């Protein structure tokens, strides 16, 4: 059977101990934006999150005239949004593949 969707959401729908293998295609680190696909990661239960400032990084290159990929979607490829952290519990809210460090990306990819 093939399930299509966000791997973590689809896996939660399956009965425990009913799967031998899962194959996914996570986004490469800082290479793709899917628009409004942020999630909350590593949150403490019952925390009423207070989100800090959005972290950003400027990337090199000017693709402003390209008509493919993120430009086609109207996203700015020169600035990557790296999410924000909860000031209370340290949870991170952002899009998988846009973590502010490679280590955090690897941790989220291994959930």
C-alpha atoms as a PDB file:
ATOM      1  CA  UNK A   1       0.000   0.000   0.000  1.00  0.00           C
ATOM      2  CA  UNK A   2       1.223   3.523  -0.786  1.00  0.00           C
ATOM      3  CA  UNK A   3       0.281   6.497   1.391  1.00  0.00           C
ATOM      4  CA  UNK A   4       0.879  10.010   0.119  1.00  0.00           C
ATOM      5  CA  UNK A   5       1.172  12.942   2.494  1.00  0.00           C
ATOM      6  CA  UNK A   6       3.271  14.278   5.345  1.00  0.00           C
ATOM      7  CA  UNK A   7       5.155  11.208   6.598  1.00  0.00           C
ATOM      8  CA  UNK A   8       4.751  11.985  10.309  1.00  0.00           C
ATOM      9  CA  UNK A   9       0.995  12.547   9.973  1.00  0.00           C
ATOM     10  CA  UNK A  10       0.475   9.419   7.867  1.00  0.00           C
ATOM     11  CA  UNK A  11       2.512   7.259  10.249  1.00  0.00           C
ATOM     12  CA  UNK A  12       0.352   8.360  13.188  1.00  0.00           C
ATOM     13  CA  UNK A  13      -2.705   7.026  11.323  1.00  0.00           C
ATOM     14  CA  UNK A  14      -1.320   3.474  11.175  1.00  0.00           C
ATOM     15  CA  UNK A  15      -1.801   0.855  13.914  1.00  0.00           C
ATOM     16  CA  UNK A  16       1.260   0.247  16.106  1.00  0.00           C
ATOM     17  CA  UNK A  17       3.603  -2.528  14.979  1.00  0.00           C
ATOM     18  CA  UNK A  18       1.881  -2.766  11.582  1.00  0.00           C
ATOM     19  CA  UNK A  19       4.780  -1.437   9.472  1.00  0.00           C
ATOM     20  CA  UNK A  20       8.107  -3.032   8.593  1.00  0.00           C
ATOM     21  CA  UNK A  21       9.545  -0.280   6.394  1.00  0.00           C
ATOM     22  CA  UNK A  22       8.835   3.366   5.588  1.00  0.00           C
ATOM     23  CA  UNK A  23      10.419   5.180   2.660  1.00  0.00           C
ATOM     24  CA  UNK A  24      10.138   8.958   2.563  1.00  0.00           C
ATOM     25  CA  UNK A  25      11.705  11.795   0.678  1.00  0.00           C
ATOM     26  CA  UNK A  26      12.498  14.545   3.172  1.00  0.00           C
ATOM     27  CA  UNK A  27      13.432  17.975   1.844  1.00  0.00           C
ATOM     28  CA  UNK A  28      17.126  18.689   1.407  1.00  0.00           C
ATOM     29  CA  UNK A  29      18.520  21.099   3.970  1.00  0.00           C
ATOM     30  CA  UNK A  30      17.772  24.730   2.978  1.00  0.00           C
ATOM     31  CA  UNK A  31      17.110  23.911  -0.683  1.00  0.00           C
ATOM     32  CA  UNK A  32      13.311  23.911  -1.087  1.00  0.00           C
ATOM     33  CA  UNK A  33      10.410  25.908   0.286  1.00  0.00           C
ATOM     34  CA  UNK A  34       6.951  24.456   0.170  1.00  0.00           C
ATOM     35  CA  UNK A  35       5.163  27.524   1.514  1.00  0.00           C
ATOM     36  CA  UNK A  36       3.099  27.470   4.726  1.00  0.00           C
ATOM     37  CA  UNK A  37       4.250  23.974   5.754  1.00  0.00           C
ATOM     38  CA  UNK A  38       5.510  24.875   9.221  1.00  0.00           C
ATOM     39  CA  UNK A  39       5.020  22.629  12.227  1.00  0.00           C
ATOM     40  CA  UNK A  40       5.915  22.771  15.925  1.00  0.00           C
ATOM     41  CA  UNK A  41       8.818  20.505  16.888  1.00  0.00           C
ATOM     42  CA  UNK A  42      10.232  19.444  20.283  1.00  0.00           C
ATOM     43  CA  UNK A  43       7.436  21.134  22.255  1.00  0.00           C
ATOM     44  CA  UNK A  44       6.810  20.610  25.939  1.00  0.00           C
ATOM     45  CA  UNK A  45       3.274  19.328  26.598  1.00  0.00           C
ATOM     46  CA  UNK A  46       0.835  22.017  27.737  1.00  0.00           C
ATOM     47  CA  UNK A  47       3.206  24.890  26.957  1.00  0.00           C
ATOM     48  CA  UNK A  48       1.400  28.056  25.917  1.00  0.00           C
ATOM     49  CA  UNK A  49       4.051  29.017  23.400  1.00  0.00           C
ATOM     50  CA  UNK A  50       5.472  32.493  23.182  1.00  0.00           C
ATOM     51  CA  UNK A  51       7.315  32.668  19.875  1.00  0.00           C
ATOM     52  CA  UNK A  52      10.491  34.693  19.425  1.00  0.00           C
ATOM     53  CA  UNK A  53      11.524  36.566  16.298  1.00  0.00           C
ATOM     54  CA  UNK A  54      11.672  34.756  12.948  1.00  0.00           C
ATOM     55  CA  UNK A  55      15.240  33.738  12.167  1.00  0.00           C
ATOM     56  CA  UNK A  56      16.441  34.458   8.628  1.00  0.00           C
ATOM     57  CA  UNK A  57      19.564  33.867   6.614  1.00  0.00           C
ATOM     58  CA  UNK A  58      20.524  35.594   3.389  1.00  0.00           C
ATOM     59  CA  UNK A  59      21.758  33.211   0.729  1.00  0.00           C
ATOM     60  CA  UNK A  60      23.925  34.062  -2.239  1.00  0.00           C
ATOM     61  CA  UNK A  61      22.798  34.185  -5.803  1.00  0.00           C
ATOM     62  CA  UNK A  62      20.145  36.100  -7.666  1.00  0.00           C
ATOM     63  CA  UNK A  63      17.435  33.978  -9.195  1.00  0.00           C
ATOM     64  CA  UNK A  64      14.903  36.798  -9.469  1.00  0.00           C
ATOM     65  CA  UNK A  65      14.317  36.217 -13.176  1.00  0.00           C
ATOM     66  CA  UNK A  66      14.012  32.424 -12.967  1.00  0.00           C
ATOM     67  CA  UNK A  67      10.633  30.954 -13.763  1.00  0.00           C
ATOM     68  CA  UNK A  68      11.094  27.596 -12.043  1.00  0.00           C
ATOM     69  CA  UNK A  69      11.105  26.189  -8.525  1.00  0.00           C
ATOM     70  CA  UNK A  70      10.492  28.594  -5.669  1.00  0.00           C
ATOM     71  CA  UNK A  71      10.444  31.658  -7.937  1.00  0.00           C
ATOM     72  CA  UNK A  72       7.511  30.198  -9.828  1.00  0.00           C
ATOM     73  CA  UNK A  73       5.683  30.013  -6.488  1.00  0.00           C
ATOM     74  CA  UNK A  74       6.529  33.648  -5.739  1.00  0.00           C
ATOM     75  CA  UNK A  75       8.999  32.824  -2.956  1.00  0.00           C
ATOM     76  CA  UNK A  76      12.219  34.804  -2.521  1.00  0.00           C
ATOM     77  CA  UNK A  77      15.169  32.423  -2.989  1.00  0.00           C
ATOM     78  CA  UNK A  78      17.625  34.978  -1.592  1.00  0.00           C
ATOM     79  CA  UNK A  79      16.261  34.864   1.985  1.00  0.00           C
ATOM     80  CA  UNK A  80      15.582  31.641   3.852  1.00  0.00           C
ATOM     81  CA  UNK A  81      13.218  31.733   6.819  1.00  0.00           C
ATOM     82  CA  UNK A  82      14.538  29.547   9.613  1.00  0.00           C
ATOM     83  CA  UNK A  83      11.509  29.481  11.887  1.00  0.00           C
ATOM     84  CA  UNK A  84      11.251  30.686  15.442  1.00  0.00           C
ATOM     85  CA  UNK A  85      11.802  29.252  18.910  1.00  0.00           C
ATOM     86  CA  UNK A  86       9.397  29.265  21.847  1.00  0.00           C
ATOM     87  CA  UNK A  87      10.797  31.524  24.558  1.00  0.00           C
ATOM     88  CA  UNK A  88       9.241  29.301  27.254  1.00  0.00           C
ATOM     89  CA  UNK A  89      10.021  25.674  26.314  1.00  0.00           C
ATOM     90  CA  UNK A  90      12.502  25.968  23.444  1.00  0.00           C
ATOM     91  CA  UNK A  91      10.210  24.321  20.862  1.00  0.00           C
ATOM     92  CA  UNK A  92      10.934  25.196  17.256  1.00  0.00           C
ATOM     93  CA  UNK A  93       8.230  26.258  14.776  1.00  0.00           C
ATOM     94  CA  UNK A  94       9.218  26.041  11.152  1.00  0.00           C
ATOM     95  CA  UNK A  95       9.364  24.046   7.961  1.00  0.00           C
ATOM     96  CA  UNK A  96      11.273  20.756   7.886  1.00  0.00           C
ATOM     97  CA  UNK A  97      14.510  21.405   6.023  1.00  0.00           C
ATOM     98  CA  UNK A  98      14.779  25.005   7.240  1.00  0.00           C
ATOM     99  CA  UNK A  99      16.091  24.419  10.745  1.00  0.00           C
ATOM    100  CA  UNK A 100      18.679  26.980  11.878  1.00  0.00           C
ATOM    101  CA  UNK A 101      21.327  24.249  12.199  1.00  0.00           C
ATOM    102  CA  UNK A 102      22.127  21.030  10.342  1.00  0.00           C
ATOM    103  CA  UNK A 103      22.080  19.148  13.671  1.00  0.00           C
ATOM    104  CA  UNK A 104      18.484  20.171  14.373  1.00  0.00           C
ATOM    105  CA  UNK A 105      17.516  19.188  10.814  1.00  0.00           C
ATOM    106  CA  UNK A 106      19.021  15.717  11.300  1.00  0.00           C
ATOM    107  CA  UNK A 107      17.223  15.315  14.648  1.00  0.00           C
ATOM    108  CA  UNK A 108      13.874  16.210  13.078  1.00  0.00           C
ATOM    109  CA  UNK A 109      14.518  13.934  10.093  1.00  0.00           C
ATOM    110  CA  UNK A 110      15.052  10.973  12.412  1.00  0.00           C
ATOM    111  CA  UNK A 111      11.729  11.231  14.295  1.00  0.00           C
END
